[in-house]
Amino acid sequence: MAKTKSRLDKTTIKAWKFYDTWRKTGSYSPALKDKIKITRLGWDHLLNPKKRRTKVQKIRRLEALPLAKKLIENATTYQEYRQKLDIEYYAFVAEMEGKRIKVVISRKNKKDRAFLSVIVLR
């Protein structure tokens, strides 16, 4: 008997298709005036972070990936900046399609900027 897929499994499969396509093109950020790489680091951070996430949190983040892409490509300013050792973090926050989201971009050793995470704030 075939086991039915969980909501998290279905969401992960759909999100990976989107993410994999996005990885091939990347995004340009007008706010950072730079190309943003979409790497395995971001995917791994969404699903297997150091801090444990519930299934619901993972689903919400995966479903917000298209909004994250849109925010990176349309934002003209970033709301937060911090630096920890040799890593810079930039965050964009916006209300989009009824959700308040935060997108985090990281940059290590002044190299390429990369998508790190999307957080659904509400």
C-alpha atoms as a PDB file:
ATOM      1  CA  MET A   1       0.000   0.000   0.000  1.00  0.00           C
ATOM      2  CA  ALA A   2       1.405   3.387  -1.022  1.00  0.00           C
ATOM      3  CA  LYS A   3       1.994   5.868   1.749  1.00  0.00           C
ATOM      4  CA  THR A   4       0.446   9.264   1.111  1.00  0.00           C
ATOM      5  CA  LYS A   5       2.790  12.215   1.256  1.00  0.00           C
ATOM      6  CA  SER A   6       2.566  14.626   4.180  1.00  0.00           C
ATOM      7  CA  ARG A   7       1.815  18.309   3.629  1.00  0.00           C
ATOM      8  CA  LEU A   8       5.469  19.068   4.409  1.00  0.00           C
ATOM      9  CA  ASP A   9       6.648  16.539   1.798  1.00  0.00           C
ATOM     10  CA  LYS A  10       4.320  17.958  -0.873  1.00  0.00           C
ATOM     11  CA  THR A  11       5.311  21.545  -0.022  1.00  0.00           C
ATOM     12  CA  THR A  12       9.013  20.626  -0.060  1.00  0.00           C
ATOM     13  CA  ILE A  13       8.751  19.027  -3.519  1.00  0.00           C
ATOM     14  CA  LYS A  14       6.906  22.038  -4.956  1.00  0.00           C
ATOM     15  CA  ALA A  15       9.273  24.498  -3.256  1.00  0.00           C
ATOM     16  CA  TRP A  16      12.361  22.645  -4.516  1.00  0.00           C
ATOM     17  CA  LYS A  17      11.116  22.915  -8.115  1.00  0.00           C
ATOM     18  CA  PHE A  18      10.778  26.684  -7.649  1.00  0.00           C
ATOM     19  CA  TYR A  19      14.095  26.995  -5.787  1.00  0.00           C
ATOM     20  CA  ASP A  20      16.036  24.917  -8.302  1.00  0.00           C
ATOM     21  CA  THR A  21      14.803  27.104 -11.177  1.00  0.00           C
ATOM     22  CA  TRP A  22      15.613  30.247  -9.161  1.00  0.00           C
ATOM     23  CA  ARG A  23      19.140  28.903  -8.479  1.00  0.00           C
ATOM     24  CA  LYS A  24      19.856  28.864 -12.200  1.00  0.00           C
ATOM     25  CA  THR A  25      19.028  32.545 -12.695  1.00  0.00           C
ATOM     26  CA  GLY A  26      19.605  34.169  -9.310  1.00  0.00           C
ATOM     27  CA  SER A  27      18.137  37.600  -8.652  1.00  0.00           C
ATOM     28  CA  TYR A  28      19.274  41.186  -8.947  1.00  0.00           C
ATOM     29  CA  SER A  29      18.734  43.392  -5.906  1.00  0.00           C
ATOM     30  CA  PRO A  30      18.211  47.102  -6.668  1.00  0.00           C
ATOM     31  CA  ALA A  31      18.696  47.845  -2.944  1.00  0.00           C
ATOM     32  CA  LEU A  32      22.138  46.213  -2.821  1.00  0.00           C
ATOM     33  CA  LYS A  33      22.941  46.978  -6.468  1.00  0.00           C
ATOM     34  CA  ASP A  34      24.221  43.447  -6.792  1.00  0.00           C
ATOM     35  CA  LYS A  35      23.357  39.975  -8.016  1.00  0.00           C
ATOM     36  CA  ILE A  36      22.088  37.596  -5.328  1.00  0.00           C
ATOM     37  CA  LYS A  37      23.142  33.976  -5.657  1.00  0.00           C
ATOM     38  CA  ILE A  38      20.651  31.296  -4.748  1.00  0.00           C
ATOM     39  CA  THR A  39      22.660  28.469  -3.225  1.00  0.00           C
ATOM     40  CA  ARG A  40      22.305  25.221  -1.348  1.00  0.00           C
ATOM     41  CA  LEU A  41      23.134  27.189   1.811  1.00  0.00           C
ATOM     42  CA  GLY A  42      19.734  28.914   1.693  1.00  0.00           C
ATOM     43  CA  TRP A  43      17.841  25.684   1.043  1.00  0.00           C
ATOM     44  CA  ASP A  44      19.627  23.883   3.870  1.00  0.00           C
ATOM     45  CA  HIS A  45      19.007  26.822   6.195  1.00  0.00           C
ATOM     46  CA  LEU A  46      15.260  26.642   5.515  1.00  0.00           C
ATOM     47  CA  LEU A  47      14.938  22.918   6.190  1.00  0.00           C
ATOM     48  CA  ASN A  48      17.798  21.991   8.530  1.00  0.00           C
ATOM     49  CA  PRO A  49      18.757  25.035  10.585  1.00  0.00           C
ATOM     50  CA  LYS A  50      20.829  24.913  13.766  1.00  0.00           C
ATOM     51  CA  LYS A  51      17.685  25.920  15.652  1.00  0.00           C
ATOM     52  CA  ARG A  52      14.881  23.380  15.392  1.00  0.00           C
ATOM     53  CA  ARG A  53      11.811  24.425  13.370  1.00  0.00           C
ATOM     54  CA  THR A  54       8.355  22.915  13.515  1.00  0.00           C
ATOM     55  CA  LYS A  55       6.787  21.406  10.398  1.00  0.00           C
ATOM     56  CA  VAL A  56       4.392  24.360  10.252  1.00  0.00           C
ATOM     57  CA  GLN A  57       7.287  26.856  10.331  1.00  0.00           C
ATOM     58  CA  LYS A  58       9.068  24.991   7.527  1.00  0.00           C
ATOM     59  CA  ILE A  59       5.901  24.911   5.403  1.00  0.00           C
ATOM     60  CA  ARG A  60       5.291  28.650   5.909  1.00  0.00           C
ATOM     61  CA  ARG A  61       8.854  29.483   4.883  1.00  0.00           C
ATOM     62  CA  LEU A  62       8.837  27.194   1.848  1.00  0.00           C
ATOM     63  CA  GLU A  63       5.500  28.619   0.675  1.00  0.00           C
ATOM     64  CA  ALA A  64       6.945  32.147   1.008  1.00  0.00           C
ATOM     65  CA  LEU A  65       9.865  31.530  -1.394  1.00  0.00           C
ATOM     66  CA  PRO A  66       8.145  33.182  -4.410  1.00  0.00           C
ATOM     67  CA  LEU A  67       7.465  36.246  -2.236  1.00  0.00           C
ATOM     68  CA  ALA A  68      11.125  36.277  -1.153  1.00  0.00           C
ATOM     69  CA  LYS A  69      12.231  36.363  -4.782  1.00  0.00           C
ATOM     70  CA  LYS A  70       9.801  39.175  -5.545  1.00  0.00           C
ATOM     71  CA  LEU A  71      10.954  41.170  -2.505  1.00  0.00           C
ATOM     72  CA  ILE A  72      14.654  40.833  -3.383  1.00  0.00           C
ATOM     73  CA  GLU A  73      13.994  41.951  -6.960  1.00  0.00           C
ATOM     74  CA  ASN A  74      11.742  44.900  -6.057  1.00  0.00           C
ATOM     75  CA  ALA A  75      13.036  46.351  -2.780  1.00  0.00           C
ATOM     76  CA  THR A  76      14.969  49.595  -3.161  1.00  0.00           C
ATOM     77  CA  THR A  77      16.229  49.709   0.448  1.00  0.00           C
ATOM     78  CA  TYR A  78      17.105  47.182   3.113  1.00  0.00           C
ATOM     79  CA  GLN A  79      15.800  47.524   6.655  1.00  0.00           C
ATOM     80  CA  GLU A  80      18.501  45.801   8.681  1.00  0.00           C
ATOM     81  CA  TYR A  81      22.239  45.321   8.516  1.00  0.00           C
ATOM     82  CA  ARG A  82      24.540  43.527  10.905  1.00  0.00           C
ATOM     83  CA  GLN A  83      27.958  41.988  10.804  1.00  0.00           C
ATOM     84  CA  LYS A  84      29.157  38.991  12.755  1.00  0.00           C
ATOM     85  CA  LEU A  85      32.864  38.223  12.318  1.00  0.00           C
ATOM     86  CA  ASP A  86      33.441  38.020   8.546  1.00  0.00           C
ATOM     87  CA  ILE A  87      29.767  37.665   7.556  1.00  0.00           C
ATOM     88  CA  GLU A  88      27.475  40.570   6.671  1.00  0.00           C
ATOM     89  CA  TYR A  89      23.697  40.147   6.904  1.00  0.00           C
ATOM     90  CA  TYR A  90      21.136  42.299   5.084  1.00  0.00           C
ATOM     91  CA  ALA A  91      17.413  41.998   5.736  1.00  0.00           C
ATOM     92  CA  PHE A  92      14.435  43.161   3.716  1.00  0.00           C
ATOM     93  CA  VAL A  93      11.056  43.387   5.439  1.00  0.00           C
ATOM     94  CA  ALA A  94       7.757  43.933   3.637  1.00  0.00           C
ATOM     95  CA  GLU A  95       4.051  43.254   3.674  1.00  0.00           C
ATOM     96  CA  MET A  96       3.270  41.131   0.615  1.00  0.00           C
ATOM     97  CA  GLU A  97       0.054  39.366  -0.345  1.00  0.00           C
ATOM     98  CA  GLY A  98      -1.286  39.616   3.197  1.00  0.00           C
ATOM     99  CA  LYS A  99       1.913  38.285   4.801  1.00  0.00           C
ATOM    100  CA  ARG A 100       4.684  40.183   6.524  1.00  0.00           C
ATOM    101  CA  ILE A 101       7.972  38.604   5.473  1.00  0.00           C
ATOM    102  CA  LYS A 102      11.646  39.104   6.146  1.00  0.00           C
ATOM    103  CA  VAL A 103      14.310  37.997   3.682  1.00  0.00           C
ATOM    104  CA  VAL A 104      17.907  37.616   4.822  1.00  0.00           C
ATOM    105  CA  ILE A 105      20.893  37.880   2.479  1.00  0.00           C
ATOM    106  CA  SER A 106      24.381  36.969   3.660  1.00  0.00           C
ATOM    107  CA  ARG A 107      27.827  37.872   2.383  1.00  0.00           C
ATOM    108  CA  LYS A 108      30.982  36.191   3.640  1.00  0.00           C
ATOM    109  CA  ASN A 109      34.444  37.729   3.262  1.00  0.00           C
ATOM    110  CA  LYS A 110      33.171  40.438   0.876  1.00  0.00           C
ATOM    111  CA  LYS A 111      32.421  37.745  -1.719  1.00  0.00           C
ATOM    112  CA  ASP A 112      29.106  37.045  -3.483  1.00  0.00           C
ATOM    113  CA  ARG A 113      25.857  37.877  -1.721  1.00  0.00           C
ATOM    114  CA  ALA A 114      23.575  34.881  -1.247  1.00  0.00           C
ATOM    115  CA  PHE A 115      19.987  34.237  -0.193  1.00  0.00           C
ATOM    116  CA  LEU A 116      20.002  32.837   3.335  1.00  0.00           C
ATOM    117  CA  SER A 117      16.410  32.708   4.566  1.00  0.00           C
ATOM    118  CA  VAL A 118      12.825  33.877   4.437  1.00  0.00           C
ATOM    119  CA  ILE A 119      10.812  34.310   7.604  1.00  0.00           C
ATOM    120  CA  VAL A 120       7.042  34.759   7.746  1.00  0.00           C
ATOM    121  CA  LEU A 121       6.526  37.269  10.556  1.00  0.00           C
ATOM    122  CA  ARG A 122       2.729  37.181  10.381  1.00  0.00           C
END
